[in-house]
Amino acid sequence: MAVIFLTDSPAKLLAEFDSRIKQTELKGKITTWERDSDGDYTHKADDWKNKAWFKTVKGSDRLTFNIIAPKDKVIETVVYGYYHGHLVETFLNHFDSMFSNASASAGCTSADRCGIK
């Protein structure tokens, strides 16, 4: 399950997330997430940067963020919790009118890539 936002417009919600990350005006800008050259998202804070990434999947009624571990590493529970919690917080603060429900799985799912154990 990862993080799922139920929405009528998954492509629009993702485009707005990207737009807020790229915008230059500080008001409304998302300063804590960045998109890499593969199109995945990581947290920008020094303590959390590149500890994991999110890959997105657009469904007909949802936008899903699946977590990806760094190469040859396993995602630690604290990293999993921080990334999922902060992503939901970011969307609640910036896009609360664009989705009806957000949910996060308690642990890695088959669609996530949490690393080798």
PDB file of N, CA and C in Angstrom:
ATOM      1  N   MET A   1       0.817  -1.193   0.000  1.00  0.00           N
ATOM      2  CA  MET A   1       0.000   0.000   0.000  1.00  0.00           C
ATOM      3  C   MET A   1       0.857   1.252   0.000  1.00  0.00           C
ATOM      4  N   ALA A   2       1.908   1.334   0.771  1.00  0.00           N
ATOM      5  CA  ALA A   2       2.752   2.519   0.831  1.00  0.00           C
ATOM      6  C   ALA A   2       1.942   3.728   1.287  1.00  0.00           C
ATOM      7  N   VAL A   3       2.034   4.861   0.592  1.00  0.00           N
ATOM      8  CA  VAL A   3       1.207   6.033   0.893  1.00  0.00           C
ATOM      9  C   VAL A   3       0.256   6.233  -0.275  1.00  0.00           C
ATOM     10  N   ILE A   4      -1.025   6.292   0.040  1.00  0.00           N
ATOM     11  CA  ILE A   4      -2.045   6.458  -1.003  1.00  0.00           C
ATOM     12  C   ILE A   4      -2.886   7.684  -0.704  1.00  0.00           C
ATOM     13  N   PHE A   5      -3.056   8.514  -1.728  1.00  0.00           N
ATOM     14  CA  PHE A   5      -3.957   9.663  -1.659  1.00  0.00           C
ATOM     15  C   PHE A   5      -5.121   9.379  -2.603  1.00  0.00           C
ATOM     16  N   LEU A   6      -6.333   9.286  -2.055  1.00  0.00           N
ATOM     17  CA  LEU A   6      -7.513   9.105  -2.897  1.00  0.00           C
ATOM     18  C   LEU A   6      -7.899  10.451  -3.478  1.00  0.00           C
ATOM     19  N   THR A   7      -8.033  10.495  -4.808  1.00  0.00           N
ATOM     20  CA  THR A   7      -8.270  11.751  -5.503  1.00  0.00           C
ATOM     21  C   THR A   7      -8.959  11.503  -6.834  1.00  0.00           C
ATOM     22  N   ASP A   8      -9.739  12.466  -7.279  1.00  0.00           N
ATOM     23  CA  ASP A   8     -10.354  12.390  -8.606  1.00  0.00           C
ATOM     24  C   ASP A   8      -9.352  12.725  -9.701  1.00  0.00           C
ATOM     25  N   SER A   9      -8.242  13.370  -9.319  1.00  0.00           N
ATOM     26  CA  SER A   9      -7.270  13.847 -10.304  1.00  0.00           C
ATOM     27  C   SER A   9      -5.837  13.520  -9.879  1.00  0.00           C
ATOM     28  N   PRO A  10      -5.432  12.253  -9.964  1.00  0.00           N
ATOM     29  CA  PRO A  10      -4.076  11.904  -9.534  1.00  0.00           C
ATOM     30  C   PRO A  10      -2.977  12.622 -10.320  1.00  0.00           C
ATOM     31  N   ALA A  11      -3.154  12.768 -11.619  1.00  0.00           N
ATOM     32  CA  ALA A  11      -2.134  13.450 -12.427  1.00  0.00           C
ATOM     33  C   ALA A  11      -2.022  14.919 -12.032  1.00  0.00           C
ATOM     34  N   LYS A  12      -3.141  15.548 -11.777  1.00  0.00           N
ATOM     35  CA  LYS A  12      -3.149  16.960 -11.377  1.00  0.00           C
ATOM     36  C   LYS A  12      -2.517  17.137  -9.999  1.00  0.00           C
ATOM     37  N   LEU A  13      -2.824  16.232  -9.069  1.00  0.00           N
ATOM     38  CA  LEU A  13      -2.238  16.299  -7.730  1.00  0.00           C
ATOM     39  C   LEU A  13      -0.723  16.163  -7.801  1.00  0.00           C
ATOM     40  N   LEU A  14      -0.232  15.216  -8.586  1.00  0.00           N
ATOM     41  CA  LEU A  14       1.212  15.035  -8.728  1.00  0.00           C
ATOM     42  C   LEU A  14       1.851  16.236  -9.413  1.00  0.00           C
ATOM     43  N   ALA A  15       1.202  16.765 -10.438  1.00  0.00           N
ATOM     44  CA  ALA A  15       1.729  17.946 -11.138  1.00  0.00           C
ATOM     45  C   ALA A  15       1.815  19.141 -10.192  1.00  0.00           C
ATOM     46  N   GLU A  16       0.844  19.277  -9.318  1.00  0.00           N
ATOM     47  CA  GLU A  16       0.864  20.381  -8.352  1.00  0.00           C
ATOM     48  C   GLU A  16       1.988  20.184  -7.342  1.00  0.00           C
ATOM     49  N   PHE A  17       2.221  18.955  -6.907  1.00  0.00           N
ATOM     50  CA  PHE A  17       3.343  18.656  -6.012  1.00  0.00           C
ATOM     51  C   PHE A  17       4.660  19.045  -6.684  1.00  0.00           C
ATOM     52  N   ASP A  18       4.857  18.618  -7.923  1.00  0.00           N
ATOM     53  CA  ASP A  18       6.068  18.979  -8.676  1.00  0.00           C
ATOM     54  C   ASP A  18       6.209  20.489  -8.822  1.00  0.00           C
ATOM     55  N   SER A  19       5.113  21.148  -9.130  1.00  0.00           N
ATOM     56  CA  SER A  19       5.128  22.599  -9.326  1.00  0.00           C
ATOM     57  C   SER A  19       5.549  23.320  -8.050  1.00  0.00           C
ATOM     58  N   ARG A  20       5.023  22.880  -6.923  1.00  0.00           N
ATOM     59  CA  ARG A  20       5.355  23.527  -5.642  1.00  0.00           C
ATOM     60  C   ARG A  20       6.804  23.254  -5.241  1.00  0.00           C
ATOM     61  N   ILE A  21       7.352  22.126  -5.634  1.00  0.00           N
ATOM     62  CA  ILE A  21       8.757  21.845  -5.356  1.00  0.00           C
ATOM     63  C   ILE A  21       9.647  22.777  -6.181  1.00  0.00           C
ATOM     64  N   LYS A  22       9.260  23.011  -7.443  1.00  0.00           N
ATOM     65  CA  LYS A  22      10.080  23.811  -8.362  1.00  0.00           C
ATOM     66  C   LYS A  22       9.893  25.311  -8.222  1.00  0.00           C
ATOM     67  N   GLN A  23       8.784  25.749  -7.653  1.00  0.00           N
ATOM     68  CA  GLN A  23       8.477  27.178  -7.662  1.00  0.00           C
ATOM     69  C   GLN A  23       9.550  27.986  -6.951  1.00  0.00           C
ATOM     70  N   THR A  24       9.709  29.220  -7.382  1.00  0.00           N
ATOM     71  CA  THR A  24      10.741  30.087  -6.818  1.00  0.00           C
ATOM     72  C   THR A  24      10.203  30.978  -5.705  1.00  0.00           C
ATOM     73  N   GLU A  25       8.921  31.303  -5.753  1.00  0.00           N
ATOM     74  CA  GLU A  25       8.322  32.126  -4.699  1.00  0.00           C
ATOM     75  C   GLU A  25       8.226  31.288  -3.428  1.00  0.00           C
ATOM     76  N   LEU A  26       8.645  31.835  -2.303  1.00  0.00           N
ATOM     77  CA  LEU A  26       8.685  31.079  -1.066  1.00  0.00           C
ATOM     78  C   LEU A  26       7.292  30.728  -0.546  1.00  0.00           C
ATOM     79  N   LYS A  27       6.329  31.626  -0.675  1.00  0.00           N
ATOM     80  CA  LYS A  27       4.989  31.352  -0.160  1.00  0.00           C
ATOM     81  C   LYS A  27       4.370  30.181  -0.937  1.00  0.00           C
ATOM     82  N   GLY A  28       4.039  29.114  -0.211  1.00  0.00           N
ATOM     83  CA  GLY A  28       3.437  27.941  -0.834  1.00  0.00           C
ATOM     84  C   GLY A  28       4.432  26.933  -1.387  1.00  0.00           C
ATOM     85  N   LYS A  29       5.717  27.296  -1.413  1.00  0.00           N
ATOM     86  CA  LYS A  29       6.749  26.406  -1.954  1.00  0.00           C
ATOM     87  C   LYS A  29       6.970  25.223  -1.007  1.00  0.00           C
ATOM     88  N   ILE A  30       7.186  24.063  -1.565  1.00  0.00           N
ATOM     89  CA  ILE A  30       7.556  22.892  -0.773  1.00  0.00           C
ATOM     90  C   ILE A  30       9.076  22.835  -0.747  1.00  0.00           C
ATOM     91  N   THR A  31       9.632  23.023   0.436  1.00  0.00           N
ATOM     92  CA  THR A  31      11.088  23.127   0.576  1.00  0.00           C
ATOM     93  C   THR A  31      11.730  21.864   1.121  1.00  0.00           C
ATOM     94  N   THR A  32      10.934  20.863   1.475  1.00  0.00           N
ATOM     95  CA  THR A  32      11.489  19.689   2.147  1.00  0.00           C
ATOM     96  C   THR A  32      11.607  18.459   1.262  1.00  0.00           C
ATOM     97  N   TRP A  33      11.075  18.504   0.054  1.00  0.00           N
ATOM     98  CA  TRP A  33      11.142  17.371  -0.872  1.00  0.00           C
ATOM     99  C   TRP A  33      11.791  17.817  -2.162  1.00  0.00           C
ATOM    100  N   GLU A  34      12.477  16.886  -2.838  1.00  0.00           N
ATOM    101  CA  GLU A  34      13.032  17.164  -4.153  1.00  0.00           C
ATOM    102  C   GLU A  34      12.842  15.950  -5.047  1.00  0.00           C
ATOM    103  N   ARG A  35      12.805  16.220  -6.336  1.00  0.00           N
ATOM    104  CA  ARG A  35      12.643  15.170  -7.339  1.00  0.00           C
ATOM    105  C   ARG A  35      13.981  14.947  -8.019  1.00  0.00           C
ATOM    106  N   ASP A  36      14.380  13.690  -8.149  1.00  0.00           N
ATOM    107  CA  ASP A  36      15.669  13.393  -8.779  1.00  0.00           C
ATOM    108  C   ASP A  36      15.506  13.166 -10.282  1.00  0.00           C
ATOM    109  N   SER A  37      16.600  12.870 -10.947  1.00  0.00           N
ATOM    110  CA  SER A  37      16.582  12.709 -12.400  1.00  0.00           C
ATOM    111  C   SER A  37      15.781  11.485 -12.852  1.00  0.00           C
ATOM    112  N   ASP A  38      15.539  10.537 -11.950  1.00  0.00           N
ATOM    113  CA  ASP A  38      14.705   9.374 -12.276  1.00  0.00           C
ATOM    114  C   ASP A  38      13.223   9.651 -12.070  1.00  0.00           C
ATOM    115  N   GLY A  39      12.909  10.828 -11.529  1.00  0.00           N
ATOM    116  CA  GLY A  39      11.518  11.182 -11.253  1.00  0.00           C
ATOM    117  C   GLY A  39      11.040  10.715  -9.893  1.00  0.00           C
ATOM    118  N   ASP A  40      11.957  10.288  -9.033  1.00  0.00           N
ATOM    119  CA  ASP A  40      11.610   9.844  -7.689  1.00  0.00           C
ATOM    120  C   ASP A  40      11.841  10.989  -6.702  1.00  0.00           C
ATOM    121  N   TYR A  41      11.254  10.857  -5.512  1.00  0.00           N
ATOM    122  CA  TYR A  41      11.287  11.932  -4.526  1.00  0.00           C
ATOM    123  C   TYR A  41      12.054  11.497  -3.289  1.00  0.00           C
ATOM    124  N   THR A  42      12.896  12.394  -2.772  1.00  0.00           N
ATOM    125  CA  THR A  42      13.602  12.161  -1.523  1.00  0.00           C
ATOM    126  C   THR A  42      13.459  13.403  -0.655  1.00  0.00           C
ATOM    127  N   HIS A  43      13.677  13.230   0.629  1.00  0.00           N
ATOM    128  CA  HIS A  43      13.591  14.348   1.564  1.00  0.00           C
ATOM    129  C   HIS A  43      14.879  15.150   1.463  1.00  0.00           C
ATOM    130  N   LYS A  44      14.791  16.466   1.621  1.00  0.00           N
ATOM    131  CA  LYS A  44      15.952  17.328   1.436  1.00  0.00           C
ATOM    132  C   LYS A  44      16.774  17.576   2.692  1.00  0.00           C
ATOM    133  N   ALA A  45      16.194  17.377   3.864  1.00  0.00           N
ATOM    134  CA  ALA A  45      16.937  17.659   5.103  1.00  0.00           C
ATOM    135  C   ALA A  45      18.183  16.779   5.178  1.00  0.00           C
ATOM    136  N   ASP A  46      19.273  17.356   5.654  1.00  0.00           N
ATOM    137  CA  ASP A  46      20.546  16.635   5.720  1.00  0.00           C
ATOM    138  C   ASP A  46      20.430  15.296   6.438  1.00  0.00           C
ATOM    139  N   ASP A  47      19.653  15.233   7.515  1.00  0.00           N
ATOM    140  CA  ASP A  47      19.520  13.994   8.286  1.00  0.00           C
ATOM    141  C   ASP A  47      18.732  12.913   7.553  1.00  0.00           C
ATOM    142  N   TRP A  48      17.954  13.280   6.534  1.00  0.00           N
ATOM    143  CA  TRP A  48      17.047  12.331   5.875  1.00  0.00           C
ATOM    144  C   TRP A  48      17.318  12.166   4.384  1.00  0.00           C
ATOM    145  N   LYS A  49      18.074  13.043   3.788  1.00  0.00           N
ATOM    146  CA  LYS A  49      18.311  13.034   2.339  1.00  0.00           C
ATOM    147  C   LYS A  49      18.918  11.706   1.884  1.00  0.00           C
ATOM    148  N   ASN A  50      18.314  11.170   0.821  1.00  0.00           N
ATOM    149  CA  ASN A  50      18.795   9.946   0.166  1.00  0.00           C
ATOM    150  C   ASN A  50      18.799   8.708   1.075  1.00  0.00           C
ATOM    151  N   LYS A  51      18.026   8.748   2.154  1.00  0.00           N
ATOM    152  CA  LYS A  51      17.869   7.543   2.982  1.00  0.00           C
ATOM    153  C   LYS A  51      16.789   6.650   2.390  1.00  0.00           C
ATOM    154  N   ALA A  52      15.964   7.226   1.495  1.00  0.00           N
ATOM    155  CA  ALA A  52      14.917   6.493   0.778  1.00  0.00           C
ATOM    156  C   ALA A  52      14.393   7.413  -0.318  1.00  0.00           C
ATOM    157  N   TRP A  53      13.617   6.836  -1.211  1.00  0.00           N
ATOM    158  CA  TRP A  53      12.954   7.599  -2.275  1.00  0.00           C
ATOM    159  C   TRP A  53      11.524   7.096  -2.391  1.00  0.00           C
ATOM    160  N   PHE A  54      10.678   7.920  -2.987  1.00  0.00           N
ATOM    161  CA  PHE A  54       9.329   7.500  -3.337  1.00  0.00           C
ATOM    162  C   PHE A  54       9.185   7.483  -4.844  1.00  0.00           C
ATOM    163  N   LYS A  55       8.633   6.404  -5.364  1.00  0.00           N
ATOM    164  CA  LYS A  55       8.250   6.292  -6.778  1.00  0.00           C
ATOM    165  C   LYS A  55       6.735   6.384  -6.813  1.00  0.00           C
ATOM    166  N   THR A  56       6.207   7.120  -7.781  1.00  0.00           N
ATOM    167  CA  THR A  56       4.759   7.321  -7.844  1.00  0.00           C
ATOM    168  C   THR A  56       4.096   6.413  -8.871  1.00  0.00           C
ATOM    169  N   VAL A  57       2.848   6.082  -8.571  1.00  0.00           N
ATOM    170  CA  VAL A  57       1.994   5.331  -9.482  1.00  0.00           C
ATOM    171  C   VAL A  57       0.650   6.041  -9.490  1.00  0.00           C
ATOM    172  N   LYS A  58       0.197   6.435 -10.679  1.00  0.00           N
ATOM    173  CA  LYS A  58      -1.102   7.096 -10.812  1.00  0.00           C
ATOM    174  C   LYS A  58      -2.149   6.056 -11.191  1.00  0.00           C
ATOM    175  N   GLY A  59      -3.167   5.917 -10.368  1.00  0.00           N
ATOM    176  CA  GLY A  59      -4.301   5.058 -10.671  1.00  0.00           C
ATOM    177  C   GLY A  59      -5.477   5.914 -11.099  1.00  0.00           C
ATOM    178  N   SER A  60      -6.602   5.305 -11.354  1.00  0.00           N
ATOM    179  CA  SER A  60      -7.766   6.068 -11.799  1.00  0.00           C
ATOM    180  C   SER A  60      -8.332   6.945 -10.692  1.00  0.00           C
ATOM    181  N   ASP A  61      -8.174   6.525  -9.440  1.00  0.00           N
ATOM    182  CA  ASP A  61      -8.742   7.281  -8.323  1.00  0.00           C
ATOM    183  C   ASP A  61      -7.744   7.506  -7.192  1.00  0.00           C
ATOM    184  N   ARG A  62      -6.454   7.316  -7.491  1.00  0.00           N
ATOM    185  CA  ARG A  62      -5.460   7.442  -6.422  1.00  0.00           C
ATOM    186  C   ARG A  62      -4.076   7.769  -6.953  1.00  0.00           C
ATOM    187  N   LEU A  63      -3.309   8.378  -6.084  1.00  0.00           N
ATOM    188  CA  LEU A  63      -1.894   8.620  -6.325  1.00  0.00           C
ATOM    189  C   LEU A  63      -1.153   7.859  -5.235  1.00  0.00           C
ATOM    190  N   THR A  64      -0.303   6.911  -5.645  1.00  0.00           N
ATOM    191  CA  THR A  64       0.413   6.057  -4.705  1.00  0.00           C
ATOM    192  C   THR A  64       1.896   6.384  -4.734  1.00  0.00           C
ATOM    193  N   PHE A  65       2.488   6.432  -3.557  1.00  0.00           N
ATOM    194  CA  PHE A  65       3.928   6.628  -3.405  1.00  0.00           C
ATOM    195  C   PHE A  65       4.496   5.356  -2.786  1.00  0.00           C
ATOM    196  N   ASN A  66       5.301   4.619  -3.551  1.00  0.00           N
ATOM    197  CA  ASN A  66       5.974   3.417  -3.053  1.00  0.00           C
ATOM    198  C   ASN A  66       7.400   3.773  -2.675  1.00  0.00           C
ATOM    199  N   ILE A  67       7.845   3.265  -1.544  1.00  0.00           N
ATOM    200  CA  ILE A  67       9.174   3.611  -1.036  1.00  0.00           C
ATOM    201  C   ILE A  67      10.242   2.713  -1.661  1.00  0.00           C
ATOM    202  N   ILE A  68      11.423   3.278  -1.854  1.00  0.00           N
ATOM    203  CA  ILE A  68      12.560   2.579  -2.445  1.00  0.00           C
ATOM    204  C   ILE A  68      13.766   2.781  -1.531  1.00  0.00           C
ATOM    205  N   ALA A  69      14.439   1.692  -1.215  1.00  0.00           N
ATOM    206  CA  ALA A  69      15.645   1.745  -0.379  1.00  0.00           C
ATOM    207  C   ALA A  69      16.853   2.160  -1.208  1.00  0.00           C
ATOM    208  N   PRO A  70      17.871   2.738  -0.552  1.00  0.00           N
ATOM    209  CA  PRO A  70      19.137   2.967  -1.244  1.00  0.00           C
ATOM    210  C   PRO A  70      19.735   1.636  -1.681  1.00  0.00           C
ATOM    211  N   LYS A  71      20.540   1.657  -2.713  1.00  0.00           N
ATOM    212  CA  LYS A  71      21.149   0.438  -3.237  1.00  0.00           C
ATOM    213  C   LYS A  71      21.924  -0.294  -2.131  1.00  0.00           C
ATOM    214  N   ASP A  72      21.710  -1.599  -2.051  1.00  0.00           N
ATOM    215  CA  ASP A  72      22.392  -2.479  -1.107  1.00  0.00           C
ATOM    216  C   ASP A  72      22.131  -2.150   0.362  1.00  0.00           C
ATOM    217  N   LYS A  73      20.989  -1.515   0.649  1.00  0.00           N
ATOM    218  CA  LYS A  73      20.620  -1.188   2.026  1.00  0.00           C
ATOM    219  C   LYS A  73      19.178  -1.576   2.279  1.00  0.00           C
ATOM    220  N   VAL A  74      18.828  -1.647   3.531  1.00  0.00           N
ATOM    221  CA  VAL A  74      17.466  -1.903   3.973  1.00  0.00           C
ATOM    222  C   VAL A  74      16.944  -0.616   4.602  1.00  0.00           C
ATOM    223  N   ILE A  75      15.690  -0.293   4.344  1.00  0.00           N
ATOM    224  CA  ILE A  75      15.098   0.900   4.959  1.00  0.00           C
ATOM    225  C   ILE A  75      14.849   0.611   6.437  1.00  0.00           C
ATOM    226  N   GLU A  76      15.411   1.454   7.287  1.00  0.00           N
ATOM    227  CA  GLU A  76      15.196   1.333   8.724  1.00  0.00           C
ATOM    228  C   GLU A  76      13.778   1.782   9.069  1.00  0.00           C
ATOM    229  N   THR A  77      13.241   1.246  10.148  1.00  0.00           N
ATOM    230  CA  THR A  77      11.884   1.582  10.577  1.00  0.00           C
ATOM    231  C   THR A  77      11.716   3.080  10.782  1.00  0.00           C
ATOM    232  N   VAL A  78      12.697   3.734  11.394  1.00  0.00           N
ATOM    233  CA  VAL A  78      12.592   5.171  11.656  1.00  0.00           C
ATOM    234  C   VAL A  78      12.548   5.966  10.343  1.00  0.00           C
ATOM    235  N   VAL A  79      13.282   5.536   9.336  1.00  0.00           N
ATOM    236  CA  VAL A  79      13.270   6.198   8.030  1.00  0.00           C
ATOM    237  C   VAL A  79      11.918   5.972   7.355  1.00  0.00           C
ATOM    238  N   TYR A  80      11.441   4.740   7.397  1.00  0.00           N
ATOM    239  CA  TYR A  80      10.135   4.417   6.821  1.00  0.00           C
ATOM    240  C   TYR A  80       9.053   5.302   7.443  1.00  0.00           C
ATOM    241  N   GLY A  81       9.049   5.388   8.767  1.00  0.00           N
ATOM    242  CA  GLY A  81       8.050   6.188   9.469  1.00  0.00           C
ATOM    243  C   GLY A  81       8.163   7.665   9.150  1.00  0.00           C
ATOM    244  N   TYR A  82       9.388   8.177   9.136  1.00  0.00           N
ATOM    245  CA  TYR A  82       9.580   9.596   8.869  1.00  0.00           C
ATOM    246  C   TYR A  82       9.125   9.955   7.454  1.00  0.00           C
ATOM    247  N   TYR A  83       9.554   9.203   6.477  1.00  0.00           N
ATOM    248  CA  TYR A  83       9.199   9.504   5.083  1.00  0.00           C
ATOM    249  C   TYR A  83       7.687   9.456   4.878  1.00  0.00           C
ATOM    250  N   HIS A  84       7.047   8.410   5.382  1.00  0.00           N
ATOM    251  CA  HIS A  84       5.603   8.279   5.200  1.00  0.00           C
ATOM    252  C   HIS A  84       4.846   9.380   5.936  1.00  0.00           C
ATOM    253  N   GLY A  85       5.213   9.607   7.195  1.00  0.00           N
ATOM    254  CA  GLY A  85       4.532  10.630   7.983  1.00  0.00           C
ATOM    255  C   GLY A  85       4.721  12.022   7.414  1.00  0.00           C
ATOM    256  N   HIS A  86       5.938  12.320   6.990  1.00  0.00           N
ATOM    257  CA  HIS A  86       6.196  13.667   6.476  1.00  0.00           C
ATOM    258  C   HIS A  86       5.530  13.888   5.118  1.00  0.00           C
ATOM    259  N   LEU A  87       5.454  12.859   4.295  1.00  0.00           N
ATOM    260  CA  LEU A  87       4.770  13.021   3.006  1.00  0.00           C
ATOM    261  C   LEU A  87       3.285  13.319   3.228  1.00  0.00           C
ATOM    262  N   VAL A  88       2.653  12.579   4.121  1.00  0.00           N
ATOM    263  CA  VAL A  88       1.236  12.835   4.416  1.00  0.00           C
ATOM    264  C   VAL A  88       1.074  14.250   4.976  1.00  0.00           C
ATOM    265  N   GLU A  89       1.954  14.655   5.889  1.00  0.00           N
ATOM    266  CA  GLU A  89       1.894  16.004   6.450  1.00  0.00           C
ATOM    267  C   GLU A  89       2.023  17.066   5.349  1.00  0.00           C
ATOM    268  N   THR A  90       2.952  16.866   4.430  1.00  0.00           N
ATOM    269  CA  THR A  90       3.148  17.824   3.341  1.00  0.00           C
ATOM    270  C   THR A  90       1.880  17.963   2.507  1.00  0.00           C
ATOM    271  N   PHE A  91       1.268  16.851   2.171  1.00  0.00           N
ATOM    272  CA  PHE A  91       0.054  16.893   1.350  1.00  0.00           C
ATOM    273  C   PHE A  91      -1.121  17.498   2.118  1.00  0.00           C
ATOM    274  N   LEU A  92      -1.224  17.232   3.408  1.00  0.00           N
ATOM    275  CA  LEU A  92      -2.283  17.860   4.204  1.00  0.00           C
ATOM    276  C   LEU A  92      -2.095  19.375   4.283  1.00  0.00           C
ATOM    277  N   ASN A  93      -0.861  19.821   4.408  1.00  0.00           N
ATOM    278  CA  ASN A  93      -0.580  21.255   4.506  1.00  0.00           C
ATOM    279  C   ASN A  93      -0.753  22.002   3.187  1.00  0.00           C
ATOM    280  N   HIS A  94      -0.525  21.343   2.065  1.00  0.00           N
ATOM    281  CA  HIS A  94      -0.528  22.031   0.776  1.00  0.00           C
ATOM    282  C   HIS A  94      -1.695  21.665  -0.143  1.00  0.00           C
ATOM    283  N   PHE A  95      -2.227  20.455  -0.040  1.00  0.00           N
ATOM    284  CA  PHE A  95      -3.181  19.972  -1.042  1.00  0.00           C
ATOM    285  C   PHE A  95      -4.432  19.346  -0.438  1.00  0.00           C
ATOM    286  N   ASP A  96      -4.820  19.759   0.750  1.00  0.00           N
ATOM    287  CA  ASP A  96      -5.933  19.113   1.451  1.00  0.00           C
ATOM    288  C   ASP A  96      -7.244  19.138   0.673  1.00  0.00           C
ATOM    289  N   SER A  97      -7.407  20.084  -0.222  1.00  0.00           N
ATOM    290  CA  SER A  97      -8.648  20.146  -1.014  1.00  0.00           C
ATOM    291  C   SER A  97      -8.577  19.288  -2.279  1.00  0.00           C
ATOM    292  N   MET A  98      -7.423  18.667  -2.545  1.00  0.00           N
ATOM    293  CA  MET A  98      -7.242  17.901  -3.775  1.00  0.00           C
ATOM    294  C   MET A  98      -7.347  16.389  -3.582  1.00  0.00           C
ATOM    295  N   PHE A  99      -7.522  15.936  -2.332  1.00  0.00           N
ATOM    296  CA  PHE A  99      -7.704  14.509  -2.088  1.00  0.00           C
ATOM    297  C   PHE A  99      -8.680  14.333  -0.927  1.00  0.00           C
ATOM    298  N   SER A 100      -9.310  13.172  -0.874  1.00  0.00           N
ATOM    299  CA  SER A 100     -10.322  12.932   0.158  1.00  0.00           C
ATOM    300  C   SER A 100      -9.807  12.103   1.322  1.00  0.00           C
ATOM    301  N   ASN A 101      -8.748  11.345   1.099  1.00  0.00           N
ATOM    302  CA  ASN A 101      -8.245  10.457   2.130  1.00  0.00           C
ATOM    303  C   ASN A 101      -6.784  10.145   1.850  1.00  0.00           C
ATOM    304  N   ALA A 102      -6.009  10.020   2.923  1.00  0.00           N
ATOM    305  CA  ALA A 102      -4.614   9.596   2.815  1.00  0.00           C
ATOM    306  C   ALA A 102      -4.428   8.411   3.740  1.00  0.00           C
ATOM    307  N   SER A 103      -3.657   7.426   3.297  1.00  0.00           N
ATOM    308  CA  SER A 103      -3.367   6.280   4.152  1.00  0.00           C
ATOM    309  C   SER A 103      -1.938   5.827   3.917  1.00  0.00           C
ATOM    310  N   ALA A 104      -1.380   5.222   4.946  1.00  0.00           N
ATOM    311  CA  ALA A 104      -0.014   4.703   4.861  1.00  0.00           C
ATOM    312  C   ALA A 104       0.015   3.314   5.472  1.00  0.00           C
ATOM    313  N   SER A 105       0.731   2.409   4.823  1.00  0.00           N
ATOM    314  CA  SER A 105       0.868   1.072   5.373  1.00  0.00           C
ATOM    315  C   SER A 105       1.839   1.110   6.551  1.00  0.00           C
ATOM    316  N   ALA A 106       1.683   0.168   7.463  1.00  0.00           N
ATOM    317  CA  ALA A 106       2.521   0.123   8.657  1.00  0.00           C
ATOM    318  C   ALA A 106       3.913  -0.442   8.377  1.00  0.00           C
ATOM    319  N   GLY A 107       4.084  -1.024   7.240  1.00  0.00           N
ATOM    320  CA  GLY A 107       5.375  -1.587   6.867  1.00  0.00           C
ATOM    321  C   GLY A 107       5.441  -1.773   5.367  1.00  0.00           C
ATOM    322  N   CYS A 108       6.563  -2.233   4.900  1.00  0.00           N
ATOM    323  CA  CYS A 108       6.757  -2.413   3.460  1.00  0.00           C
ATOM    324  C   CYS A 108       5.755  -3.397   2.875  1.00  0.00           C
ATOM    325  N   THR A 109       5.340  -3.108   1.666  1.00  0.00           N
ATOM    326  CA  THR A 109       4.415  -3.974   0.944  1.00  0.00           C
ATOM    327  C   THR A 109       5.135  -4.584  -0.253  1.00  0.00           C
ATOM    328  N   SER A 110       4.463  -5.432  -0.973  1.00  0.00           N
ATOM    329  CA  SER A 110       5.069  -6.078  -2.132  1.00  0.00           C
ATOM    330  C   SER A 110       5.406  -5.083  -3.240  1.00  0.00           C
ATOM    331  N   ALA A 111       4.730  -3.937  -3.268  1.00  0.00           N
ATOM    332  CA  ALA A 111       4.995  -2.920  -4.296  1.00  0.00           C
ATOM    333  C   ALA A 111       6.159  -2.015  -3.920  1.00  0.00           C
ATOM    334  N   ASP A 112       6.568  -2.037  -2.657  1.00  0.00           N
ATOM    335  CA  ASP A 112       7.711  -1.240  -2.203  1.00  0.00           C
ATOM    336  C   ASP A 112       9.006  -1.999  -2.492  1.00  0.00           C
ATOM    337  N   ARG A 113      10.103  -1.271  -2.481  1.00  0.00           N
ATOM    338  CA  ARG A 113      11.427  -1.898  -2.588  1.00  0.00           C
ATOM    339  C   ARG A 113      12.224  -1.484  -1.360  1.00  0.00           C
ATOM    340  N   CYS A 114      12.079  -2.268  -0.301  1.00  0.00           N
ATOM    341  CA  CYS A 114      12.640  -1.892   1.003  1.00  0.00           C
ATOM    342  C   CYS A 114      14.056  -2.397   1.218  1.00  0.00           C
ATOM    343  N   GLY A 115      14.627  -3.046   0.240  1.00  0.00           N
ATOM    344  CA  GLY A 115      16.017  -3.487   0.355  1.00  0.00           C
ATOM    345  C   GLY A 115      16.139  -4.949   0.700  1.00  0.00           C
ATOM    346  N   ILE A 116      17.350  -5.428   0.618  1.00  0.00           N
ATOM    347  CA  ILE A 116      17.623  -6.830   0.894  1.00  0.00           C
ATOM    348  C   ILE A 116      17.873  -7.031   2.380  1.00  0.00           C
ATOM    349  N   LYS A 117      17.362  -8.123   2.905  1.00  0.00           N
ATOM    350  CA  LYS A 117      17.546  -8.409   4.351  1.00  0.00           C
ATOM    351  C   LYS A 117      18.471  -9.580   4.526  1.00  0.00           C
TER     352      LYS A 117
END
